[in-house]
C-alpha atoms as a PDB file:
ATOM      1  CA  MET A   1     -16.057 -25.958 -54.981  1.00  0.00           C
ATOM      2  CA  ALA A   2     -17.720 -28.638 -52.200  1.00  0.00           C
ATOM      3  CA  LEU A   3     -14.842 -29.249 -50.804  1.00  0.00           C
ATOM      4  CA  LYS A   4     -13.370 -25.535 -50.781  1.00  0.00           C
ATOM      5  CA  HIS A   5     -16.850 -24.771 -48.741  1.00  0.00           C
ATOM      6  CA  LEU A   6     -16.130 -27.822 -46.935  1.00  0.00           C
ATOM      7  CA  THR A   7     -12.450 -26.478 -45.715  1.00  0.00           C
ATOM      8  CA  PHE A   8     -13.808 -22.897 -44.919  1.00  0.00           C
ATOM      9  CA  ALA A   9     -16.724 -24.293 -42.589  1.00  0.00           C
ATOM     10  CA  PHE A  10     -14.015 -26.472 -40.674  1.00  0.00           C
ATOM     11  CA  LEU A  11     -11.610 -23.431 -40.339  1.00  0.00           C
ATOM     12  CA  ALA A  12     -14.154 -21.446 -39.198  1.00  0.00           C
ATOM     13  CA  ALA A  13     -15.134 -23.877 -36.649  1.00  0.00           C
ATOM     14  CA  SER A  14     -11.819 -24.641 -35.446  1.00  0.00           C
ATOM     15  CA  LEU A  15     -11.554 -20.691 -35.246  1.00  0.00           C
ATOM     16  CA  ALA A  16     -14.434 -20.479 -32.880  1.00  0.00           C
ATOM     17  CA  PHE A  17     -13.625 -23.206 -30.811  1.00  0.00           C
ATOM     18  CA  PHE A  18     -10.052 -21.639 -30.181  1.00  0.00           C
ATOM     19  CA  THR A  19     -11.619 -18.291 -29.302  1.00  0.00           C
ATOM     20  CA  THR A  20     -14.229 -19.335 -27.020  1.00  0.00           C
ATOM     21  CA  THR A  21     -11.863 -21.944 -25.366  1.00  0.00           C
ATOM     22  CA  ALA A  22      -8.425 -19.812 -25.012  1.00  0.00           C
ATOM     23  CA  PRO A  23      -7.521 -18.705 -21.323  1.00  0.00           C
ATOM     24  CA  VAL A  24      -8.235 -14.873 -20.922  1.00  0.00           C
ATOM     25  CA  TRP A  25      -4.716 -13.891 -18.934  1.00  0.00           C
ATOM     26  CA  ALA A  26      -5.674 -11.374 -16.182  1.00  0.00           C
ATOM     27  CA  GLU A  27      -3.088  -8.573 -15.751  1.00  0.00           C
ATOM     28  CA  PRO A  28      -1.590  -8.427 -12.020  1.00  0.00           C
ATOM     29  CA  LEU A  29      -3.241  -6.196  -9.605  1.00  0.00           C
ATOM     30  CA  LYS A  30      -1.333  -3.226  -9.206  1.00  0.00           C
ATOM     31  CA  ILE A  31      -0.930  -1.740  -5.517  1.00  0.00           C
ATOM     32  CA  VAL A  32       0.907   1.786  -4.778  1.00  0.00           C
ATOM     33  CA  GLY A  33       2.927   1.530  -1.524  1.00  0.00           C
ATOM     34  CA  PHE A  34       2.656   5.497  -0.863  1.00  0.00           C
ATOM     35  CA  GLY A  35       4.708   6.550   2.121  1.00  0.00           C
ATOM     36  CA  ASP A  36       7.951   7.808   3.951  1.00  0.00           C
ATOM     37  CA  SER A  37      11.177   5.769   4.677  1.00  0.00           C
ATOM     38  CA  LEU A  38       9.393   3.391   6.221  1.00  0.00           C
ATOM     39  CA  MET A  39       7.704   2.331   3.017  1.00  0.00           C
ATOM     40  CA  ALA A  40      10.991   3.265   0.949  1.00  0.00           C
ATOM     41  CA  GLY A  41      13.375   0.983   2.558  1.00  0.00           C
ATOM     42  CA  TYR A  42      15.864   3.368   4.535  1.00  0.00           C
ATOM     43  CA  GLY A  43      19.033   1.875   4.983  1.00  0.00           C
ATOM     44  CA  LEU A  44      18.125  -1.544   3.661  1.00  0.00           C
ATOM     45  CA  ASN A  45      19.410  -3.640   0.893  1.00  0.00           C
ATOM     46  CA  PRO A  46      17.549  -4.149  -2.687  1.00  0.00           C
ATOM     47  CA  GLY A  47      14.857  -6.612  -2.530  1.00  0.00           C
ATOM     48  CA  GLU A  48      14.334  -5.956   1.402  1.00  0.00           C
ATOM     49  CA  SER A  49      11.557  -3.362   1.630  1.00  0.00           C
ATOM     50  CA  PHE A  50       8.367  -3.181   2.469  1.00  0.00           C
ATOM     51  CA  PRO A  51       6.582  -3.256  -0.602  1.00  0.00           C
ATOM     52  CA  GLU A  52       8.833  -5.714  -1.705  1.00  0.00           C
ATOM     53  CA  LYS A  53       8.803  -8.644   0.822  1.00  0.00           C
ATOM     54  CA  LEU A  54       4.988  -7.576   0.484  1.00  0.00           C
ATOM     55  CA  GLU A  55       4.669  -8.522  -2.830  1.00  0.00           C
ATOM     56  CA  LYS A  56       6.663 -11.601  -2.131  1.00  0.00           C
ATOM     57  CA  ALA A  57       4.158 -12.388   0.953  1.00  0.00           C
ATOM     58  CA  LEU A  58       1.209 -12.000  -1.212  1.00  0.00           C
ATOM     59  CA  ARG A  59       2.317 -14.184  -4.319  1.00  0.00           C
ATOM     60  CA  ASN A  60       3.366 -16.832  -1.674  1.00  0.00           C
ATOM     61  CA  ASN A  61      -0.277 -16.868  -1.013  1.00  0.00           C
ATOM     62  CA  GLY A  62      -1.748 -16.979  -4.395  1.00  0.00           C
ATOM     63  CA  HIS A  63      -2.323 -13.152  -5.368  1.00  0.00           C
ATOM     64  CA  ASP A  64      -1.279 -12.208  -8.529  1.00  0.00           C
ATOM     65  CA  VAL A  65       0.221  -8.372  -7.439  1.00  0.00           C
ATOM     66  CA  VAL A  66       2.829  -6.002  -8.958  1.00  0.00           C
ATOM     67  CA  ILE A  67       3.451  -3.614  -5.778  1.00  0.00           C
ATOM     68  CA  THR A  68       5.369  -0.178  -6.655  1.00  0.00           C
ATOM     69  CA  ASN A  69       7.319   1.408  -4.127  1.00  0.00           C
ATOM     70  CA  ALA A  70       6.585   5.269  -3.855  1.00  0.00           C
ATOM     71  CA  GLY A  71       7.918   5.694  -0.828  1.00  0.00           C
ATOM     72  CA  VAL A  72      10.299   8.899  -0.541  1.00  0.00           C
ATOM     73  CA  SER A  73      12.566   9.232   2.866  1.00  0.00           C
ATOM     74  CA  GLY A  74      11.601  12.256   4.807  1.00  0.00           C
ATOM     75  CA  ASP A  75       8.661  12.783   3.303  1.00  0.00           C
ATOM     76  CA  THR A  76       5.776  14.600   5.379  1.00  0.00           C
ATOM     77  CA  SER A  77       1.993  14.109   4.739  1.00  0.00           C
ATOM     78  CA  SER A  78       2.150  17.586   3.216  1.00  0.00           C
ATOM     79  CA  GLY A  79       4.888  16.592   1.046  1.00  0.00           C
ATOM     80  CA  GLY A  80       2.932  13.389  -0.308  1.00  0.00           C
ATOM     81  CA  LEU A  81      -0.079  15.646  -1.055  1.00  0.00           C
ATOM     82  CA  SER A  82       1.971  17.677  -3.272  1.00  0.00           C
ATOM     83  CA  ARG A  83       3.296  14.455  -5.011  1.00  0.00           C
ATOM     84  CA  LEU A  84       0.263  11.905  -4.786  1.00  0.00           C
ATOM     85  CA  ASP A  85      -1.034  12.837  -8.228  1.00  0.00           C
ATOM     86  CA  TRP A  86       2.078  11.826 -10.202  1.00  0.00           C
ATOM     87  CA  SER A  87       3.153   8.986  -7.704  1.00  0.00           C
ATOM     88  CA  VAL A  88       0.116   6.964  -8.138  1.00  0.00           C
ATOM     89  CA  PRO A  89      -0.903   6.431 -11.544  1.00  0.00           C
ATOM     90  CA  ASP A  90      -3.794   5.573 -13.413  1.00  0.00           C
ATOM     91  CA  GLY A  91      -4.881   2.145 -13.454  1.00  0.00           C
ATOM     92  CA  THR A  92      -3.396   1.519  -9.579  1.00  0.00           C
ATOM     93  CA  GLN A  93      -6.016  -0.943  -8.290  1.00  0.00           C
ATOM     94  CA  LEU A  94      -5.197  -0.155  -4.301  1.00  0.00           C
ATOM     95  CA  VAL A  95      -2.832   2.234  -2.538  1.00  0.00           C
ATOM     96  CA  ILE A  96      -1.211   1.369   0.781  1.00  0.00           C
ATOM     97  CA  LEU A  97      -1.287   5.230   2.371  1.00  0.00           C
ATOM     98  CA  GLU A  98       1.607   5.272   4.930  1.00  0.00           C
ATOM     99  CA  LEU A  99       2.243   9.070   5.748  1.00  0.00           C
ATOM    100  CA  GLY A 100       2.681  11.282   9.276  1.00  0.00           C
ATOM    101  CA  ALA A 101       5.650   9.767  10.930  1.00  0.00           C
ATOM    102  CA  ASN A 102       7.883  12.663  10.029  1.00  0.00           C
ATOM    103  CA  ASP A 103       4.929  14.798  10.806  1.00  0.00           C
ATOM    104  CA  MET A 104       5.187  13.560  14.579  1.00  0.00           C
ATOM    105  CA  LEU A 105       8.333  13.397  15.086  1.00  0.00           C
ATOM    106  CA  ARG A 106       8.848  16.837  13.692  1.00  0.00           C
ATOM    107  CA  GLY A 107       5.928  18.097  16.138  1.00  0.00           C
ATOM    108  CA  ILE A 108       3.685  19.301  13.565  1.00  0.00           C
ATOM    109  CA  ASP A 109      -0.078  19.961  14.295  1.00  0.00           C
ATOM    110  CA  PRO A 110      -2.147  17.079  14.213  1.00  0.00           C
ATOM    111  CA  ALA A 111      -4.770  19.237  12.800  1.00  0.00           C
ATOM    112  CA  LEU A 112      -2.509  20.026   9.649  1.00  0.00           C
ATOM    113  CA  VAL A 113      -1.604  16.034   9.321  1.00  0.00           C
ATOM    114  CA  GLU A 114      -5.127  15.587   9.540  1.00  0.00           C
ATOM    115  CA  GLN A 115      -6.246  18.032   7.176  1.00  0.00           C
ATOM    116  CA  ASN A 116      -3.205  16.605   4.616  1.00  0.00           C
ATOM    117  CA  LEU A 117      -4.206  13.267   4.542  1.00  0.00           C
ATOM    118  CA  ASP A 118      -8.073  13.666   4.309  1.00  0.00           C
ATOM    119  CA  LYS A 119      -7.266  15.504   1.036  1.00  0.00           C
ATOM    120  CA  MET A 120      -5.110  12.342  -0.242  1.00  0.00           C
ATOM    121  CA  LEU A 121      -7.975  10.168   0.745  1.00  0.00           C
ATOM    122  CA  ALA A 122     -10.502  12.262  -1.171  1.00  0.00           C
ATOM    123  CA  ARG A 123      -8.645  12.539  -4.291  1.00  0.00           C
ATOM    124  CA  LEU A 124      -8.134   8.794  -3.891  1.00  0.00           C
ATOM    125  CA  LYS A 125     -11.614   8.035  -3.569  1.00  0.00           C
ATOM    126  CA  GLU A 126     -12.547  10.622  -6.445  1.00  0.00           C
ATOM    127  CA  ARG A 127     -10.147   8.485  -8.559  1.00  0.00           C
ATOM    128  CA  LYS A 128     -11.972   5.269  -7.354  1.00  0.00           C
ATOM    129  CA  ILE A 129      -8.686   4.034  -6.070  1.00  0.00           C
ATOM    130  CA  PRO A 130      -9.270   1.875  -2.835  1.00  0.00           C
ATOM    131  CA  VAL A 131      -7.036   2.980  -0.127  1.00  0.00           C
ATOM    132  CA  LEU A 132      -5.211   0.441   2.736  1.00  0.00           C
ATOM    133  CA  LEU A 133      -4.498   3.085   5.555  1.00  0.00           C
ATOM    134  CA  ALA A 134      -1.545   2.460   7.772  1.00  0.00           C
ATOM    135  CA  GLY A 135      -1.687   4.196  10.822  1.00  0.00           C
ATOM    136  CA  MET A 136       1.183   5.771  13.355  1.00  0.00           C
ATOM    137  CA  VAL A 137       0.991   6.507  16.732  1.00  0.00           C
ATOM    138  CA  ALA A 138       2.932   9.252  18.720  1.00  0.00           C
ATOM    139  CA  ALA A 139       6.212   8.820  20.380  1.00  0.00           C
ATOM    140  CA  PRO A 140       5.700   9.178  24.208  1.00  0.00           C
ATOM    141  CA  ASN A 141       7.710  12.139  24.729  1.00  0.00           C
ATOM    142  CA  LEU A 142       5.619  14.613  22.846  1.00  0.00           C
ATOM    143  CA  GLY A 143       3.019  14.349  25.956  1.00  0.00           C
ATOM    144  CA  HIS A 144      -0.345  12.817  26.445  1.00  0.00           C
ATOM    145  CA  ALA A 145      -2.357  15.495  24.454  1.00  0.00           C
ATOM    146  CA  TYR A 146      -0.398  15.518  21.511  1.00  0.00           C
ATOM    147  CA  GLY A 147      -0.497  11.682  21.251  1.00  0.00           C
ATOM    148  CA  GLU A 148      -4.142  11.314  21.881  1.00  0.00           C
ATOM    149  CA  GLN A 149      -4.792  14.154  19.289  1.00  0.00           C
ATOM    150  CA  PHE A 150      -2.459  12.320  17.049  1.00  0.00           C
ATOM    151  CA  GLY A 151      -3.643   8.914  17.826  1.00  0.00           C
ATOM    152  CA  THR A 152      -7.144   9.648  16.524  1.00  0.00           C
ATOM    153  CA  ILE A 153      -6.534  10.802  12.632  1.00  0.00           C
ATOM    154  CA  TYR A 154      -6.247   7.571  11.346  1.00  0.00           C
ATOM    155  CA  PRO A 155      -9.381   5.703  12.855  1.00  0.00           C
ATOM    156  CA  LYS A 156     -11.428   8.714  12.398  1.00  0.00           C
ATOM    157  CA  LEU A 157     -10.535   9.169   8.313  1.00  0.00           C
ATOM    158  CA  ALA A 158     -10.900   5.534   7.948  1.00  0.00           C
ATOM    159  CA  GLU A 159     -14.231   5.238   8.741  1.00  0.00           C
ATOM    160  CA  LYS A 160     -14.973   8.598   7.066  1.00  0.00           C
ATOM    161  CA  TYR A 161     -13.940   7.186   3.457  1.00  0.00           C
ATOM    162  CA  GLY A 162     -14.532   3.592   4.475  1.00  0.00           C
ATOM    163  CA  VAL A 163     -11.036   2.463   3.836  1.00  0.00           C
ATOM    164  CA  THR A 164      -9.378  -0.399   5.313  1.00  0.00           C
ATOM    165  CA  LEU A 165      -7.620   0.665   8.627  1.00  0.00           C
ATOM    166  CA  TYR A 166      -4.437  -0.981   9.907  1.00  0.00           C
ATOM    167  CA  PRO A 167      -3.907   0.690  13.145  1.00  0.00           C
ATOM    168  CA  PHE A 168       0.094   0.820  13.589  1.00  0.00           C
ATOM    169  CA  PHE A 169       2.423  -0.001  10.558  1.00  0.00           C
ATOM    170  CA  LEU A 170       5.294  -0.387  13.092  1.00  0.00           C
ATOM    171  CA  ASP A 171       3.403  -2.871  15.062  1.00  0.00           C
ATOM    172  CA  GLY A 172       5.562  -5.616  16.798  1.00  0.00           C
ATOM    173  CA  VAL A 173       9.166  -3.812  16.022  1.00  0.00           C
ATOM    174  CA  ALA A 174       8.713  -0.374  17.362  1.00  0.00           C
ATOM    175  CA  GLY A 175      10.774  -0.533  20.641  1.00  0.00           C
ATOM    176  CA  ASP A 176      12.279  -3.674  19.763  1.00  0.00           C
ATOM    177  CA  PRO A 177      16.317  -3.020  19.431  1.00  0.00           C
ATOM    178  CA  LYS A 178      16.836  -5.998  17.622  1.00  0.00           C
ATOM    179  CA  LEU A 179      14.334  -5.149  14.906  1.00  0.00           C
ATOM    180  CA  LEU A 180      15.632  -1.880  14.481  1.00  0.00           C
ATOM    181  CA  LEU A 181      18.588  -0.075  13.017  1.00  0.00           C
ATOM    182  CA  GLU A 182      21.038   1.840  15.003  1.00  0.00           C
ATOM    183  CA  ASP A 183      18.880   5.053  14.664  1.00  0.00           C
ATOM    184  CA  GLY A 184      16.056   3.226  16.920  1.00  0.00           C
ATOM    185  CA  MET A 185      13.571   4.043  14.096  1.00  0.00           C
ATOM    186  CA  HIS A 186      13.928   2.562  10.881  1.00  0.00           C
ATOM    187  CA  PRO A 187      13.235  -1.554  10.795  1.00  0.00           C
ATOM    188  CA  THR A 188      16.129  -3.720   9.860  1.00  0.00           C
ATOM    189  CA  ALA A 189      15.456  -6.907   7.144  1.00  0.00           C
ATOM    190  CA  GLU A 190      13.935  -9.232   9.961  1.00  0.00           C
ATOM    191  CA  GLY A 191      12.067  -6.050  11.385  1.00  0.00           C
ATOM    192  CA  ILE A 192      10.522  -5.741   7.735  1.00  0.00           C
ATOM    193  CA  ASP A 193       9.813  -9.860   7.802  1.00  0.00           C
ATOM    194  CA  ARG A 194       7.808  -9.068  11.351  1.00  0.00           C
ATOM    195  CA  MET A 195       5.688  -6.056   9.650  1.00  0.00           C
ATOM    196  CA  VAL A 196       4.984  -7.890   6.707  1.00  0.00           C
ATOM    197  CA  ALA A 197       3.653 -10.601   8.754  1.00  0.00           C
ATOM    198  CA  LYS A 198       1.249  -8.664  10.677  1.00  0.00           C
ATOM    199  CA  ALA A 199       0.134  -6.854   7.920  1.00  0.00           C
ATOM    200  CA  LEU A 200      -0.526  -9.340   5.640  1.00  0.00           C
ATOM    201  CA  PRO A 201      -3.932 -10.379   6.818  1.00  0.00           C
ATOM    202  CA  THR A 202      -5.043  -6.704   6.683  1.00  0.00           C
ATOM    203  CA  VAL A 203      -3.626  -6.521   3.161  1.00  0.00           C
ATOM    204  CA  GLU A 204      -5.637  -9.415   1.576  1.00  0.00           C
ATOM    205  CA  LYS A 205      -8.849  -8.098   3.453  1.00  0.00           C
ATOM    206  CA  ALA A 206      -8.144  -5.265   1.544  1.00  0.00           C
ATOM    207  CA  ILE A 207      -7.679  -6.700  -2.043  1.00  0.00           C
ATOM    208  CA  ALA A 208     -10.661  -8.927  -1.295  1.00  0.00           C
ATOM    209  CA  GLY A 209     -12.767  -5.817  -0.971  1.00  0.00           C
ATOM    210  CA  LYS A 210     -11.208  -3.683  -3.212  1.00  0.00           C
END
């Protein structure tokens, strides 16, 4: 009997030791890149889209992340609003929100774009999902008044909802034919590399502050 009690005590102590010392494996940070063709990777090969290259860059910097590409080519802010709830699943820990370029190219009233983005940010805030808001600027041919009104949308909403702002998603790429496809609008794979390199510090800031 004494031997049986001793064996049981040893097993219990061993179990307690391994329970308290075994590592706890944290799950990767779940990010959703939510946007239009600039997010989807229009005209690019598999592995070359912004979410895919950003995930690789973050992992190289020691961040355990998984980024889902929820970009839809041709999407406007109205389209994004209509699909937001099912495109961003529960458990998402950061959304990179990039919409408005197609609205701008169609000359849609900036007030409507702002209204749609505002509703998306409100829904995500209600769900307690942090957001990195990726801004856009208007093409010069749309005129000064339109450009000025459109340009205020993103800083205004970022301040209103206290989210991280990346002012211009195409920073370093727009206007550079070497980094754009033949259409002059969508980035090449090299263009995506430039976008990721420029956006990376802001994304890391958003991750740290979530």
